[in-house]
Amino acid sequence: MELPRDQLAVLEAATDDEQPVEDIAEATALAPETVTGAAFELAERDLLAVSEATHERVSLTEEGADY
């Protein structure tokens, strides 16, 4: 099976540990959007596992700080 260039680059940059898309984008010099697309295509071929996480952050407002 021959993979497109972007998918091959993502597959070669991936490790056994979970990595943020941004890390793979930096390692491959690909845009994060390109890495994401390639990762999902590789996942469809069972060559890569993709997990999604949402990061929520909180911070005090001025009123909260004064309270």
C-alpha atoms as a PDB file:
ATOM      1  CA  MET A   1       0.000   0.000   0.000  1.00  0.00           C
ATOM      2  CA  GLU A   2       1.395   3.380  -0.970  1.00  0.00           C
ATOM      3  CA  LEU A   3       0.439   6.356   1.194  1.00  0.00           C
ATOM      4  CA  PRO A   4       0.177   9.988   0.115  1.00  0.00           C
ATOM      5  CA  ARG A   5       3.164  12.126   1.136  1.00  0.00           C
ATOM      6  CA  ASP A   6       1.360  13.916   4.006  1.00  0.00           C
ATOM      7  CA  GLN A   7       0.040  10.682   5.496  1.00  0.00           C
ATOM      8  CA  LEU A   8       3.475   9.070   5.266  1.00  0.00           C
ATOM      9  CA  ALA A   9       5.078  12.055   6.992  1.00  0.00           C
ATOM     10  CA  VAL A  10       2.539  11.899   9.837  1.00  0.00           C
ATOM     11  CA  LEU A  11       2.941   8.144  10.209  1.00  0.00           C
ATOM     12  CA  GLU A  12       6.731   8.452  10.357  1.00  0.00           C
ATOM     13  CA  ALA A  13       6.555  11.271  12.929  1.00  0.00           C
ATOM     14  CA  ALA A  14       4.092   9.424  15.185  1.00  0.00           C
ATOM     15  CA  THR A  15       5.325   7.547  18.238  1.00  0.00           C
ATOM     16  CA  ASP A  16       3.794   5.012  20.614  1.00  0.00           C
ATOM     17  CA  ASP A  17       2.938   7.867  22.999  1.00  0.00           C
ATOM     18  CA  GLU A  18       0.056  10.257  22.421  1.00  0.00           C
ATOM     19  CA  GLN A  19       1.226  13.459  20.795  1.00  0.00           C
ATOM     20  CA  PRO A  20      -0.532  16.750  20.184  1.00  0.00           C
ATOM     21  CA  VAL A  21      -1.208  17.581  16.549  1.00  0.00           C
ATOM     22  CA  GLU A  22       0.950  20.680  16.976  1.00  0.00           C
ATOM     23  CA  ASP A  23       4.001  18.532  17.816  1.00  0.00           C
ATOM     24  CA  ILE A  24       3.569  16.413  14.701  1.00  0.00           C
ATOM     25  CA  ALA A  25       2.953  19.530  12.613  1.00  0.00           C
ATOM     26  CA  GLU A  26       6.212  21.007  13.868  1.00  0.00           C
ATOM     27  CA  ALA A  27       8.130  17.777  13.259  1.00  0.00           C
ATOM     28  CA  THR A  28       6.798  17.410   9.712  1.00  0.00           C
ATOM     29  CA  ALA A  29       6.601  21.095   8.710  1.00  0.00           C
ATOM     30  CA  LEU A  30       2.940  20.497   7.810  1.00  0.00           C
ATOM     31  CA  ALA A  31       0.022  22.703   8.809  1.00  0.00           C
ATOM     32  CA  PRO A  32      -1.926  21.426  11.841  1.00  0.00           C
ATOM     33  CA  GLU A  33      -5.021  21.115   9.643  1.00  0.00           C
ATOM     34  CA  THR A  34      -3.091  18.907   7.218  1.00  0.00           C
ATOM     35  CA  VAL A  35      -1.826  16.729  10.067  1.00  0.00           C
ATOM     36  CA  THR A  36      -5.355  16.357  11.432  1.00  0.00           C
ATOM     37  CA  GLY A  37      -6.734  15.312   8.061  1.00  0.00           C
ATOM     38  CA  ALA A  38      -3.907  12.850   7.471  1.00  0.00           C
ATOM     39  CA  ALA A  39      -4.314  11.425  10.979  1.00  0.00           C
ATOM     40  CA  PHE A  40      -8.019  10.733  10.465  1.00  0.00           C
ATOM     41  CA  GLU A  41      -7.321   9.118   7.096  1.00  0.00           C
ATOM     42  CA  LEU A  42      -4.628   6.932   8.697  1.00  0.00           C
ATOM     43  CA  ALA A  43      -7.052   6.028  11.484  1.00  0.00           C
ATOM     44  CA  GLU A  44      -9.571   4.854   8.867  1.00  0.00           C
ATOM     45  CA  ARG A  45      -6.871   2.450   7.624  1.00  0.00           C
ATOM     46  CA  ASP A  46      -6.157   1.293  11.205  1.00  0.00           C
ATOM     47  CA  LEU A  47      -2.603   2.627  11.002  1.00  0.00           C
ATOM     48  CA  LEU A  48      -2.974   5.320  13.651  1.00  0.00           C
ATOM     49  CA  ALA A  49      -5.203   5.882  16.672  1.00  0.00           C
ATOM     50  CA  VAL A  50      -6.742   9.320  17.100  1.00  0.00           C
ATOM     51  CA  SER A  51      -8.057  10.582  20.405  1.00  0.00           C
ATOM     52  CA  GLU A  52      -9.723  13.912  20.955  1.00  0.00           C
ATOM     53  CA  ALA A  53      -9.519  16.048  24.074  1.00  0.00           C
ATOM     54  CA  THR A  54     -11.101  19.322  25.020  1.00  0.00           C
ATOM     55  CA  HIS A  55      -9.151  21.660  27.217  1.00  0.00           C
ATOM     56  CA  GLU A  56     -11.105  24.160  29.233  1.00  0.00           C
ATOM     57  CA  ARG A  57      -9.437  26.944  31.142  1.00  0.00           C
ATOM     58  CA  VAL A  58     -10.788  29.261  33.777  1.00  0.00           C
ATOM     59  CA  SER A  59      -9.548  32.554  35.130  1.00  0.00           C
ATOM     60  CA  LEU A  60     -10.768  35.070  37.633  1.00  0.00           C
ATOM     61  CA  THR A  61     -12.680  38.073  36.490  1.00  0.00           C
ATOM     62  CA  GLU A  62     -12.020  41.415  38.134  1.00  0.00           C
ATOM     63  CA  GLU A  63     -15.164  40.983  40.234  1.00  0.00           C
ATOM     64  CA  GLY A  64     -14.109  37.474  41.249  1.00  0.00           C
ATOM     65  CA  ALA A  65     -10.684  38.711  42.318  1.00  0.00           C
ATOM     66  CA  ASP A  66     -12.271  41.461  44.432  1.00  0.00           C
ATOM     67  CA  TYR A  67     -14.664  39.014  46.113  1.00  0.00           C
END
